[in-house]
Amino acid sequence: YFKIGLVYILFLLIIISGIFLAKIGR
């Protein structure tokens, strides 16, 4: 469960950092 949770947390961090990149523009 730790391994599964870790991957999902990392996936969430990818999405969050991607949203920040989209918000700041070009």
mmCIF file of all heavy atoms, coordinates in Angstrom:
data_MODEL
# 
_entry.id   MODEL 
# 
loop_
_atom_site.group_PDB 
_atom_site.id 
_atom_site.type_symbol 
_atom_site.label_atom_id 
_atom_site.label_alt_id 
_atom_site.label_comp_id 
_atom_site.label_asym_id 
_atom_site.label_entity_id 
_atom_site.label_seq_id 
_atom_site.pdbx_PDB_ins_code 
_atom_site.Cartn_x 
_atom_site.Cartn_y 
_atom_site.Cartn_z 
_atom_site.occupancy 
_atom_site.B_iso_or_equiv 
_atom_site.pdbx_formal_charge 
_atom_site.auth_seq_id 
_atom_site.auth_comp_id 
_atom_site.auth_asym_id 
_atom_site.auth_atom_id 
_atom_site.pdbx_PDB_model_num 
ATOM 1   N N   . TYR A 1 1  ? 0.823  -1.205 0.000   1.00 0.00 ? 1  TYR A N   1 
ATOM 2   C CA  . TYR A 1 1  ? 0.000  0.000  0.000   1.00 0.00 ? 1  TYR A CA  1 
ATOM 3   C C   . TYR A 1 1  ? 0.861  1.261  0.000   1.00 0.00 ? 1  TYR A C   1 
ATOM 4   O O   . TYR A 1 1  ? 0.499  2.265  -0.602  1.00 0.00 ? 1  TYR A O   1 
ATOM 5   C CB  . TYR A 1 1  ? -0.954 0.008  1.193   1.00 0.00 ? 1  TYR A CB  1 
ATOM 6   C CG  . TYR A 1 1  ? -2.032 -1.038 1.105   1.00 0.00 ? 1  TYR A CG  1 
ATOM 7   C CD1 . TYR A 1 1  ? -2.260 -1.908 2.164   1.00 0.00 ? 1  TYR A CD1 1 
ATOM 8   C CD2 . TYR A 1 1  ? -2.809 -1.174 -0.043  1.00 0.00 ? 1  TYR A CD2 1 
ATOM 9   C CE1 . TYR A 1 1  ? -3.251 -2.878 2.085   1.00 0.00 ? 1  TYR A CE1 1 
ATOM 10  C CE2 . TYR A 1 1  ? -3.790 -2.139 -0.134  1.00 0.00 ? 1  TYR A CE2 1 
ATOM 11  C CZ  . TYR A 1 1  ? -4.010 -2.987 0.926   1.00 0.00 ? 1  TYR A CZ  1 
ATOM 12  O OH  . TYR A 1 1  ? -4.981 -3.935 0.837   1.00 0.00 ? 1  TYR A OH  1 
ATOM 13  N N   . PHE A 1 2  ? 1.999  1.201  0.670   1.00 0.00 ? 2  PHE A N   1 
ATOM 14  C CA  . PHE A 1 2  ? 2.916  2.336  0.669   1.00 0.00 ? 2  PHE A CA  1 
ATOM 15  C C   . PHE A 1 2  ? 3.413  2.625  -0.744  1.00 0.00 ? 2  PHE A C   1 
ATOM 16  O O   . PHE A 1 2  ? 3.453  3.780  -1.171  1.00 0.00 ? 2  PHE A O   1 
ATOM 17  C CB  . PHE A 1 2  ? 4.106  2.063  1.603   1.00 0.00 ? 2  PHE A CB  1 
ATOM 18  C CG  . PHE A 1 2  ? 5.175  3.108  1.517   1.00 0.00 ? 2  PHE A CG  1 
ATOM 19  C CD1 . PHE A 1 2  ? 5.015  4.338  2.128   1.00 0.00 ? 2  PHE A CD1 1 
ATOM 20  C CD2 . PHE A 1 2  ? 6.341  2.861  0.801   1.00 0.00 ? 2  PHE A CD2 1 
ATOM 21  C CE1 . PHE A 1 2  ? 5.998  5.309  2.034   1.00 0.00 ? 2  PHE A CE1 1 
ATOM 22  C CE2 . PHE A 1 2  ? 7.332  3.827  0.703   1.00 0.00 ? 2  PHE A CE2 1 
ATOM 23  C CZ  . PHE A 1 2  ? 7.163  5.059  1.321   1.00 0.00 ? 2  PHE A CZ  1 
ATOM 24  N N   . LYS A 1 3  ? 3.803  1.583  -1.470  1.00 0.00 ? 3  LYS A N   1 
ATOM 25  C CA  . LYS A 1 3  ? 4.304  1.755  -2.830  1.00 0.00 ? 3  LYS A CA  1 
ATOM 26  C C   . LYS A 1 3  ? 3.222  2.327  -3.743  1.00 0.00 ? 3  LYS A C   1 
ATOM 27  O O   . LYS A 1 3  ? 3.486  3.232  -4.544  1.00 0.00 ? 3  LYS A O   1 
ATOM 28  C CB  . LYS A 1 3  ? 4.805  0.416  -3.386  1.00 0.00 ? 3  LYS A CB  1 
ATOM 29  C CG  . LYS A 1 3  ? 6.074  -0.060 -2.729  1.00 0.00 ? 3  LYS A CG  1 
ATOM 30  C CD  . LYS A 1 3  ? 6.469  -1.428 -3.242  1.00 0.00 ? 3  LYS A CD  1 
ATOM 31  C CE  . LYS A 1 3  ? 7.730  -1.917 -2.571  1.00 0.00 ? 3  LYS A CE  1 
ATOM 32  N NZ  . LYS A 1 3  ? 8.149  -3.235 -3.040  1.00 0.00 ? 3  LYS A NZ  1 
ATOM 33  N N   . ILE A 1 4  ? 2.022  1.803  -3.636  1.00 0.00 ? 4  ILE A N   1 
ATOM 34  C CA  . ILE A 1 4  ? 0.915  2.302  -4.456  1.00 0.00 ? 4  ILE A CA  1 
ATOM 35  C C   . ILE A 1 4  ? 0.634  3.761  -4.104  1.00 0.00 ? 4  ILE A C   1 
ATOM 36  O O   . ILE A 1 4  ? 0.495  4.612  -4.994  1.00 0.00 ? 4  ILE A O   1 
ATOM 37  C CB  . ILE A 1 4  ? -0.344 1.428  -4.257  1.00 0.00 ? 4  ILE A CB  1 
ATOM 38  C CG1 . ILE A 1 4  ? -0.104 0.025  -4.812  1.00 0.00 ? 4  ILE A CG1 1 
ATOM 39  C CG2 . ILE A 1 4  ? -1.557 2.071  -4.933  1.00 0.00 ? 4  ILE A CG2 1 
ATOM 40  C CD1 . ILE A 1 4  ? -1.168 -0.986 -4.440  1.00 0.00 ? 4  ILE A CD1 1 
ATOM 41  N N   . GLY A 1 5  ? 0.584  4.060  -2.815  1.00 0.00 ? 5  GLY A N   1 
ATOM 42  C CA  . GLY A 1 5  ? 0.330  5.429  -2.376  1.00 0.00 ? 5  GLY A CA  1 
ATOM 43  C C   . GLY A 1 5  ? 1.415  6.393  -2.820  1.00 0.00 ? 5  GLY A C   1 
ATOM 44  O O   . GLY A 1 5  ? 1.128  7.522  -3.239  1.00 0.00 ? 5  GLY A O   1 
ATOM 45  N N   . LEU A 1 6  ? 2.663  5.955  -2.765  1.00 0.00 ? 6  LEU A N   1 
ATOM 46  C CA  . LEU A 1 6  ? 3.782  6.795  -3.189  1.00 0.00 ? 6  LEU A CA  1 
ATOM 47  C C   . LEU A 1 6  ? 3.652  7.189  -4.657  1.00 0.00 ? 6  LEU A C   1 
ATOM 48  O O   . LEU A 1 6  ? 3.837  8.354  -5.015  1.00 0.00 ? 6  LEU A O   1 
ATOM 49  C CB  . LEU A 1 6  ? 5.109  6.067  -2.948  1.00 0.00 ? 6  LEU A CB  1 
ATOM 50  C CG  . LEU A 1 6  ? 6.367  6.804  -3.389  1.00 0.00 ? 6  LEU A CG  1 
ATOM 51  C CD1 . LEU A 1 6  ? 6.554  8.089  -2.598  1.00 0.00 ? 6  LEU A CD1 1 
ATOM 52  C CD2 . LEU A 1 6  ? 7.578  5.902  -3.251  1.00 0.00 ? 6  LEU A CD2 1 
ATOM 53  N N   . VAL A 1 7  ? 3.332  6.235  -5.489  1.00 0.00 ? 7  VAL A N   1 
ATOM 54  C CA  . VAL A 1 7  ? 3.196  6.527  -6.921  1.00 0.00 ? 7  VAL A CA  1 
ATOM 55  C C   . VAL A 1 7  ? 2.044  7.509  -7.161  1.00 0.00 ? 7  VAL A C   1 
ATOM 56  O O   . VAL A 1 7  ? 2.172  8.448  -7.949  1.00 0.00 ? 7  VAL A O   1 
ATOM 57  C CB  . VAL A 1 7  ? 3.006  5.230  -7.741  1.00 0.00 ? 7  VAL A CB  1 
ATOM 58  C CG1 . VAL A 1 7  ? 2.602  5.537  -9.168  1.00 0.00 ? 7  VAL A CG1 1 
ATOM 59  C CG2 . VAL A 1 7  ? 4.282  4.412  -7.717  1.00 0.00 ? 7  VAL A CG2 1 
ATOM 60  N N   . TYR A 1 8  ? 0.934  7.335  -6.463  1.00 0.00 ? 8  TYR A N   1 
ATOM 61  C CA  . TYR A 1 8  ? -0.191 8.252  -6.645  1.00 0.00 ? 8  TYR A CA  1 
ATOM 62  C C   . TYR A 1 8  ? 0.125  9.652  -6.117  1.00 0.00 ? 8  TYR A C   1 
ATOM 63  O O   . TYR A 1 8  ? -0.289 10.647 -6.711  1.00 0.00 ? 8  TYR A O   1 
ATOM 64  C CB  . TYR A 1 8  ? -1.468 7.691  -6.014  1.00 0.00 ? 8  TYR A CB  1 
ATOM 65  C CG  . TYR A 1 8  ? -2.086 6.610  -6.862  1.00 0.00 ? 8  TYR A CG  1 
ATOM 66  C CD1 . TYR A 1 8  ? -2.112 5.293  -6.422  1.00 0.00 ? 8  TYR A CD1 1 
ATOM 67  C CD2 . TYR A 1 8  ? -2.609 6.896  -8.112  1.00 0.00 ? 8  TYR A CD2 1 
ATOM 68  C CE1 . TYR A 1 8  ? -2.665 4.292  -7.214  1.00 0.00 ? 8  TYR A CE1 1 
ATOM 69  C CE2 . TYR A 1 8  ? -3.163 5.903  -8.909  1.00 0.00 ? 8  TYR A CE2 1 
ATOM 70  C CZ  . TYR A 1 8  ? -3.182 4.605  -8.448  1.00 0.00 ? 8  TYR A CZ  1 
ATOM 71  O OH  . TYR A 1 8  ? -3.725 3.627  -9.241  1.00 0.00 ? 8  TYR A OH  1 
ATOM 72  N N   . ILE A 1 9  ? 0.901  9.738  -5.041  1.00 0.00 ? 9  ILE A N   1 
ATOM 73  C CA  . ILE A 1 9  ? 1.312  11.062 -4.536  1.00 0.00 ? 9  ILE A CA  1 
ATOM 74  C C   . ILE A 1 9  ? 2.250  11.735 -5.534  1.00 0.00 ? 9  ILE A C   1 
ATOM 75  O O   . ILE A 1 9  ? 2.113  12.933 -5.818  1.00 0.00 ? 9  ILE A O   1 
ATOM 76  C CB  . ILE A 1 9  ? 1.976  10.928 -3.145  1.00 0.00 ? 9  ILE A CB  1 
ATOM 77  C CG1 . ILE A 1 9  ? 0.919  10.582 -2.098  1.00 0.00 ? 9  ILE A CG1 1 
ATOM 78  C CG2 . ILE A 1 9  ? 2.714  12.211 -2.765  1.00 0.00 ? 9  ILE A CG2 1 
ATOM 79  C CD1 . ILE A 1 9  ? 1.488  10.183 -0.748  1.00 0.00 ? 9  ILE A CD1 1 
ATOM 80  N N   . LEU A 1 10 ? 3.188  10.979 -6.087  1.00 0.00 ? 10 LEU A N   1 
ATOM 81  C CA  . LEU A 1 10 ? 4.081  11.537 -7.109  1.00 0.00 ? 10 LEU A CA  1 
ATOM 82  C C   . LEU A 1 10 ? 3.290  11.994 -8.337  1.00 0.00 ? 10 LEU A C   1 
ATOM 83  O O   . LEU A 1 10 ? 3.568  13.052 -8.906  1.00 0.00 ? 10 LEU A O   1 
ATOM 84  C CB  . LEU A 1 10 ? 5.145  10.505 -7.502  1.00 0.00 ? 10 LEU A CB  1 
ATOM 85  C CG  . LEU A 1 10 ? 6.227  10.219 -6.470  1.00 0.00 ? 10 LEU A CG  1 
ATOM 86  C CD1 . LEU A 1 10 ? 7.066  9.019  -6.904  1.00 0.00 ? 10 LEU A CD1 1 
ATOM 87  C CD2 . LEU A 1 10 ? 7.092  11.435 -6.243  1.00 0.00 ? 10 LEU A CD2 1 
ATOM 88  N N   . PHE A 1 11 ? 2.312  11.203 -8.726  1.00 0.00 ? 11 PHE A N   1 
ATOM 89  C CA  . PHE A 1 11 ? 1.469  11.561 -9.873  1.00 0.00 ? 11 PHE A CA  1 
ATOM 90  C C   . PHE A 1 11 ? 0.728  12.871 -9.585  1.00 0.00 ? 11 PHE A C   1 
ATOM 91  O O   . PHE A 1 11 ? 0.631  13.745 -10.444 1.00 0.00 ? 11 PHE A O   1 
ATOM 92  C CB  . PHE A 1 11 ? 0.485  10.420 -10.162 1.00 0.00 ? 11 PHE A CB  1 
ATOM 93  C CG  . PHE A 1 11 ? -0.189 10.514 -11.490 1.00 0.00 ? 11 PHE A CG  1 
ATOM 94  C CD1 . PHE A 1 11 ? 0.488  10.155 -12.647 1.00 0.00 ? 11 PHE A CD1 1 
ATOM 95  C CD2 . PHE A 1 11 ? -1.488 10.952 -11.600 1.00 0.00 ? 11 PHE A CD2 1 
ATOM 96  C CE1 . PHE A 1 11 ? -0.124 10.234 -13.884 1.00 0.00 ? 11 PHE A CE1 1 
ATOM 97  C CE2 . PHE A 1 11 ? -2.114 11.032 -12.827 1.00 0.00 ? 11 PHE A CE2 1 
ATOM 98  C CZ  . PHE A 1 11 ? -1.431 10.672 -13.977 1.00 0.00 ? 11 PHE A CZ  1 
ATOM 99  N N   . LEU A 1 12 ? 0.231  13.017 -8.381  1.00 0.00 ? 12 LEU A N   1 
ATOM 100 C CA  . LEU A 1 12 ? -0.451 14.246 -7.978  1.00 0.00 ? 12 LEU A CA  1 
ATOM 101 C C   . LEU A 1 12 ? 0.504  15.437 -8.009  1.00 0.00 ? 12 LEU A C   1 
ATOM 102 O O   . LEU A 1 12 ? 0.127  16.531 -8.452  1.00 0.00 ? 12 LEU A O   1 
ATOM 103 C CB  . LEU A 1 12 ? -1.051 14.069 -6.582  1.00 0.00 ? 12 LEU A CB  1 
ATOM 104 C CG  . LEU A 1 12 ? -1.842 15.233 -6.023  1.00 0.00 ? 12 LEU A CG  1 
ATOM 105 C CD1 . LEU A 1 12 ? -3.080 15.501 -6.884  1.00 0.00 ? 12 LEU A CD1 1 
ATOM 106 C CD2 . LEU A 1 12 ? -2.263 14.941 -4.594  1.00 0.00 ? 12 LEU A CD2 1 
ATOM 107 N N   . LEU A 1 13 ? 1.746  15.239 -7.576  1.00 0.00 ? 13 LEU A N   1 
ATOM 108 C CA  . LEU A 1 13 ? 2.745  16.312 -7.634  1.00 0.00 ? 13 LEU A CA  1 
ATOM 109 C C   . LEU A 1 13 ? 3.063  16.722 -9.068  1.00 0.00 ? 13 LEU A C   1 
ATOM 110 O O   . LEU A 1 13 ? 3.302  17.903 -9.341  1.00 0.00 ? 13 LEU A O   1 
ATOM 111 C CB  . LEU A 1 13 ? 4.018  15.888 -6.903  1.00 0.00 ? 13 LEU A CB  1 
ATOM 112 C CG  . LEU A 1 13 ? 3.912  15.776 -5.384  1.00 0.00 ? 13 LEU A CG  1 
ATOM 113 C CD1 . LEU A 1 13 ? 5.201  15.201 -4.803  1.00 0.00 ? 13 LEU A CD1 1 
ATOM 114 C CD2 . LEU A 1 13 ? 3.586  17.121 -4.768  1.00 0.00 ? 13 LEU A CD2 1 
ATOM 115 N N   . ILE A 1 14 ? 3.059  15.762 -9.983  1.00 0.00 ? 14 ILE A N   1 
ATOM 116 C CA  . ILE A 1 14 ? 3.253  16.089 -11.400 1.00 0.00 ? 14 ILE A CA  1 
ATOM 117 C C   . ILE A 1 14 ? 2.128  17.009 -11.866 1.00 0.00 ? 14 ILE A C   1 
ATOM 118 O O   . ILE A 1 14 ? 2.366  18.020 -12.538 1.00 0.00 ? 14 ILE A O   1 
ATOM 119 C CB  . ILE A 1 14 ? 3.279  14.821 -12.279 1.00 0.00 ? 14 ILE A CB  1 
ATOM 120 C CG1 . ILE A 1 14 ? 4.486  13.970 -11.994 1.00 0.00 ? 14 ILE A CG1 1 
ATOM 121 C CG2 . ILE A 1 14 ? 3.251  15.198 -13.768 1.00 0.00 ? 14 ILE A CG2 1 
ATOM 122 C CD1 . ILE A 1 14 ? 4.442  12.611 -12.652 1.00 0.00 ? 14 ILE A CD1 1 
ATOM 123 N N   . ILE A 1 15 ? 0.910  16.656 -11.523 1.00 0.00 ? 15 ILE A N   1 
ATOM 124 C CA  . ILE A 1 15 ? -0.244 17.450 -11.948 1.00 0.00 ? 15 ILE A CA  1 
ATOM 125 C C   . ILE A 1 15 ? -0.194 18.845 -11.334 1.00 0.00 ? 15 ILE A C   1 
ATOM 126 O O   . ILE A 1 15 ? -0.421 19.845 -12.030 1.00 0.00 ? 15 ILE A O   1 
ATOM 127 C CB  . ILE A 1 15 ? -1.557 16.721 -11.595 1.00 0.00 ? 15 ILE A CB  1 
ATOM 128 C CG1 . ILE A 1 15 ? -1.683 15.466 -12.466 1.00 0.00 ? 15 ILE A CG1 1 
ATOM 129 C CG2 . ILE A 1 15 ? -2.766 17.624 -11.791 1.00 0.00 ? 15 ILE A CG2 1 
ATOM 130 C CD1 . ILE A 1 15 ? -2.798 14.541 -12.090 1.00 0.00 ? 15 ILE A CD1 1 
ATOM 131 N N   . ILE A 1 16 ? 0.139  18.935 -10.058 1.00 0.00 ? 16 ILE A N   1 
ATOM 132 C CA  . ILE A 1 16 ? 0.208  20.239 -9.397  1.00 0.00 ? 16 ILE A CA  1 
ATOM 133 C C   . ILE A 1 16 ? 1.291  21.120 -10.027 1.00 0.00 ? 16 ILE A C   1 
ATOM 134 O O   . ILE A 1 16 ? 1.050  22.295 -10.327 1.00 0.00 ? 16 ILE A O   1 
ATOM 135 C CB  . ILE A 1 16 ? 0.449  20.072 -7.877  1.00 0.00 ? 16 ILE A CB  1 
ATOM 136 C CG1 . ILE A 1 16 ? -0.790 19.473 -7.223  1.00 0.00 ? 16 ILE A CG1 1 
ATOM 137 C CG2 . ILE A 1 16 ? 0.821  21.401 -7.226  1.00 0.00 ? 16 ILE A CG2 1 
ATOM 138 C CD1 . ILE A 1 16 ? -0.577 19.019 -5.786  1.00 0.00 ? 16 ILE A CD1 1 
ATOM 139 N N   . SER A 1 17 ? 2.468  20.561 -10.262 1.00 0.00 ? 17 SER A N   1 
ATOM 140 C CA  . SER A 1 17 ? 3.535  21.354 -10.885 1.00 0.00 ? 17 SER A CA  1 
ATOM 141 C C   . SER A 1 17 ? 3.170  21.728 -12.320 1.00 0.00 ? 17 SER A C   1 
ATOM 142 O O   . SER A 1 17 ? 3.502  22.828 -12.784 1.00 0.00 ? 17 SER A O   1 
ATOM 143 C CB  . SER A 1 17 ? 4.874  20.617 -10.829 1.00 0.00 ? 17 SER A CB  1 
ATOM 144 O OG  . SER A 1 17 ? 4.834  19.412 -11.570 1.00 0.00 ? 17 SER A OG  1 
ATOM 145 N N   . GLY A 1 18 ? 2.460  20.860 -13.013 1.00 0.00 ? 18 GLY A N   1 
ATOM 146 C CA  . GLY A 1 18 ? 1.993  21.177 -14.363 1.00 0.00 ? 18 GLY A CA  1 
ATOM 147 C C   . GLY A 1 18 ? 0.981  22.316 -14.364 1.00 0.00 ? 18 GLY A C   1 
ATOM 148 O O   . GLY A 1 18 ? 0.995  23.180 -15.248 1.00 0.00 ? 18 GLY A O   1 
ATOM 149 N N   . ILE A 1 19 ? 0.106  22.331 -13.365 1.00 0.00 ? 19 ILE A N   1 
ATOM 150 C CA  . ILE A 1 19 ? -0.870 23.421 -13.254 1.00 0.00 ? 19 ILE A CA  1 
ATOM 151 C C   . ILE A 1 19 ? -0.149 24.740 -12.991 1.00 0.00 ? 19 ILE A C   1 
ATOM 152 O O   . ILE A 1 19 ? -0.488 25.769 -13.592 1.00 0.00 ? 19 ILE A O   1 
ATOM 153 C CB  . ILE A 1 19 ? -1.902 23.111 -12.139 1.00 0.00 ? 19 ILE A CB  1 
ATOM 154 C CG1 . ILE A 1 19 ? -2.814 21.972 -12.592 1.00 0.00 ? 19 ILE A CG1 1 
ATOM 155 C CG2 . ILE A 1 19 ? -2.722 24.348 -11.788 1.00 0.00 ? 19 ILE A CG2 1 
ATOM 156 C CD1 . ILE A 1 19 ? -3.714 21.412 -11.502 1.00 0.00 ? 19 ILE A CD1 1 
ATOM 157 N N   . PHE A 1 20 ? 0.871  24.710 -12.119 1.00 0.00 ? 20 PHE A N   1 
ATOM 158 C CA  . PHE A 1 20 ? 1.655  25.928 -11.889 1.00 0.00 ? 20 PHE A CA  1 
ATOM 159 C C   . PHE A 1 20 ? 2.313  26.412 -13.175 1.00 0.00 ? 20 PHE A C   1 
ATOM 160 O O   . PHE A 1 20 ? 2.325  27.609 -13.463 1.00 0.00 ? 20 PHE A O   1 
ATOM 161 C CB  . PHE A 1 20 ? 2.719  25.703 -10.811 1.00 0.00 ? 20 PHE A CB  1 
ATOM 162 C CG  . PHE A 1 20 ? 2.208  25.832 -9.417  1.00 0.00 ? 20 PHE A CG  1 
ATOM 163 C CD1 . PHE A 1 20 ? 2.312  24.759 -8.540  1.00 0.00 ? 20 PHE A CD1 1 
ATOM 164 C CD2 . PHE A 1 20 ? 1.629  27.003 -8.961  1.00 0.00 ? 20 PHE A CD2 1 
ATOM 165 C CE1 . PHE A 1 20 ? 1.849  24.860 -7.244  1.00 0.00 ? 20 PHE A CE1 1 
ATOM 166 C CE2 . PHE A 1 20 ? 1.158  27.120 -7.660  1.00 0.00 ? 20 PHE A CE2 1 
ATOM 167 C CZ  . PHE A 1 20 ? 1.261  26.042 -6.799  1.00 0.00 ? 20 PHE A CZ  1 
ATOM 168 N N   . LEU A 1 21 ? 2.861  25.493 -13.950 1.00 0.00 ? 21 LEU A N   1 
ATOM 169 C CA  . LEU A 1 21 ? 3.480  25.868 -15.222 1.00 0.00 ? 21 LEU A CA  1 
ATOM 170 C C   . LEU A 1 21 ? 2.466  26.481 -16.176 1.00 0.00 ? 21 LEU A C   1 
ATOM 171 O O   . LEU A 1 21 ? 2.759  27.453 -16.871 1.00 0.00 ? 21 LEU A O   1 
ATOM 172 C CB  . LEU A 1 21 ? 4.151  24.653 -15.877 1.00 0.00 ? 21 LEU A CB  1 
ATOM 173 C CG  . LEU A 1 21 ? 5.471  24.208 -15.272 1.00 0.00 ? 21 LEU A CG  1 
ATOM 174 C CD1 . LEU A 1 21 ? 5.909  22.891 -15.884 1.00 0.00 ? 21 LEU A CD1 1 
ATOM 175 C CD2 . LEU A 1 21 ? 6.524  25.276 -15.467 1.00 0.00 ? 21 LEU A CD2 1 
ATOM 176 N N   . ALA A 1 22 ? 1.273  25.921 -16.220 1.00 0.00 ? 22 ALA A N   1 
ATOM 177 C CA  . ALA A 1 22 ? 0.234  26.456 -17.102 1.00 0.00 ? 22 ALA A CA  1 
ATOM 178 C C   . ALA A 1 22 ? -0.204 27.853 -16.656 1.00 0.00 ? 22 ALA A C   1 
ATOM 179 O O   . ALA A 1 22 ? -0.488 28.715 -17.489 1.00 0.00 ? 22 ALA A O   1 
ATOM 180 C CB  . ALA A 1 22 ? -0.963 25.513 -17.131 1.00 0.00 ? 22 ALA A CB  1 
ATOM 181 N N   . LYS A 1 23 ? -0.247 28.075 -15.356 1.00 0.00 ? 23 LYS A N   1 
ATOM 182 C CA  . LYS A 1 23 ? -0.698 29.367 -14.822 1.00 0.00 ? 23 LYS A CA  1 
ATOM 183 C C   . LYS A 1 23 ? 0.293  30.493 -15.088 1.00 0.00 ? 23 LYS A C   1 
ATOM 184 O O   . LYS A 1 23 ? -0.111 31.621 -15.290 1.00 0.00 ? 23 LYS A O   1 
ATOM 185 C CB  . LYS A 1 23 ? -0.961 29.273 -13.313 1.00 0.00 ? 23 LYS A CB  1 
ATOM 186 C CG  . LYS A 1 23 ? -2.081 28.350 -12.938 1.00 0.00 ? 23 LYS A CG  1 
ATOM 187 C CD  . LYS A 1 23 ? -3.408 28.966 -13.209 1.00 0.00 ? 23 LYS A CD  1 
ATOM 188 C CE  . LYS A 1 23 ? -4.495 28.022 -12.712 1.00 0.00 ? 23 LYS A CE  1 
ATOM 189 N NZ  . LYS A 1 23 ? -5.742 28.238 -13.369 1.00 0.00 ? 23 LYS A NZ  1 
ATOM 190 N N   . ILE A 1 24 ? 1.598  30.179 -15.077 1.00 0.00 ? 24 ILE A N   1 
ATOM 191 C CA  . ILE A 1 24 ? 2.581  31.250 -15.247 1.00 0.00 ? 24 ILE A CA  1 
ATOM 192 C C   . ILE A 1 24 ? 2.792  31.637 -16.700 1.00 0.00 ? 24 ILE A C   1 
ATOM 193 O O   . ILE A 1 24 ? 3.404  32.649 -16.983 1.00 0.00 ? 24 ILE A O   1 
ATOM 194 C CB  . ILE A 1 24 ? 3.934  30.904 -14.582 1.00 0.00 ? 24 ILE A CB  1 
ATOM 195 C CG1 . ILE A 1 24 ? 4.554  29.661 -15.193 1.00 0.00 ? 24 ILE A CG1 1 
ATOM 196 C CG2 . ILE A 1 24 ? 3.794  30.796 -13.099 1.00 0.00 ? 24 ILE A CG2 1 
ATOM 197 C CD1 . ILE A 1 24 ? 5.927  29.329 -14.664 1.00 0.00 ? 24 ILE A CD1 1 
ATOM 198 N N   . GLY A 1 25 ? 2.288  30.854 -17.623 1.00 0.00 ? 25 GLY A N   1 
ATOM 199 C CA  . GLY A 1 25 ? 2.350  31.247 -19.035 1.00 0.00 ? 25 GLY A CA  1 
ATOM 200 C C   . GLY A 1 25 ? 3.626  30.834 -19.732 1.00 0.00 ? 25 GLY A C   1 
ATOM 201 O O   . GLY A 1 25 ? 4.371  29.985 -19.282 1.00 0.00 ? 25 GLY A O   1 
ATOM 202 N N   . ARG A 1 26 ? 3.891  31.496 -20.852 1.00 0.00 ? 26 ARG A N   1 
ATOM 203 C CA  . ARG A 1 26 ? 4.947  31.076 -21.771 1.00 0.00 ? 26 ARG A CA  1 
ATOM 204 C C   . ARG A 1 26 ? 6.356  31.252 -21.246 1.00 0.00 ? 26 ARG A C   1 
ATOM 205 O O   . ARG A 1 26 ? 7.236  30.495 -21.603 1.00 0.00 ? 26 ARG A O   1 
ATOM 206 C CB  . ARG A 1 26 ? 4.824  31.859 -23.077 1.00 0.00 ? 26 ARG A CB  1 
ATOM 207 C CG  . ARG A 1 26 ? 4.339  31.167 -24.291 1.00 0.00 ? 26 ARG A CG  1 
ATOM 208 C CD  . ARG A 1 26 ? 4.385  29.704 -24.408 1.00 0.00 ? 26 ARG A CD  1 
ATOM 209 N NE  . ARG A 1 26 ? 5.679  29.061 -24.342 1.00 0.00 ? 26 ARG A NE  1 
ATOM 210 C CZ  . ARG A 1 26 ? 5.865  27.775 -24.226 1.00 0.00 ? 26 ARG A CZ  1 
ATOM 211 N NH1 . ARG A 1 26 ? 4.861  26.958 -24.150 1.00 0.00 ? 26 ARG A NH1 1 
ATOM 212 N NH2 . ARG A 1 26 ? 7.053  27.258 -24.172 1.00 0.00 ? 26 ARG A NH2 1 
# 
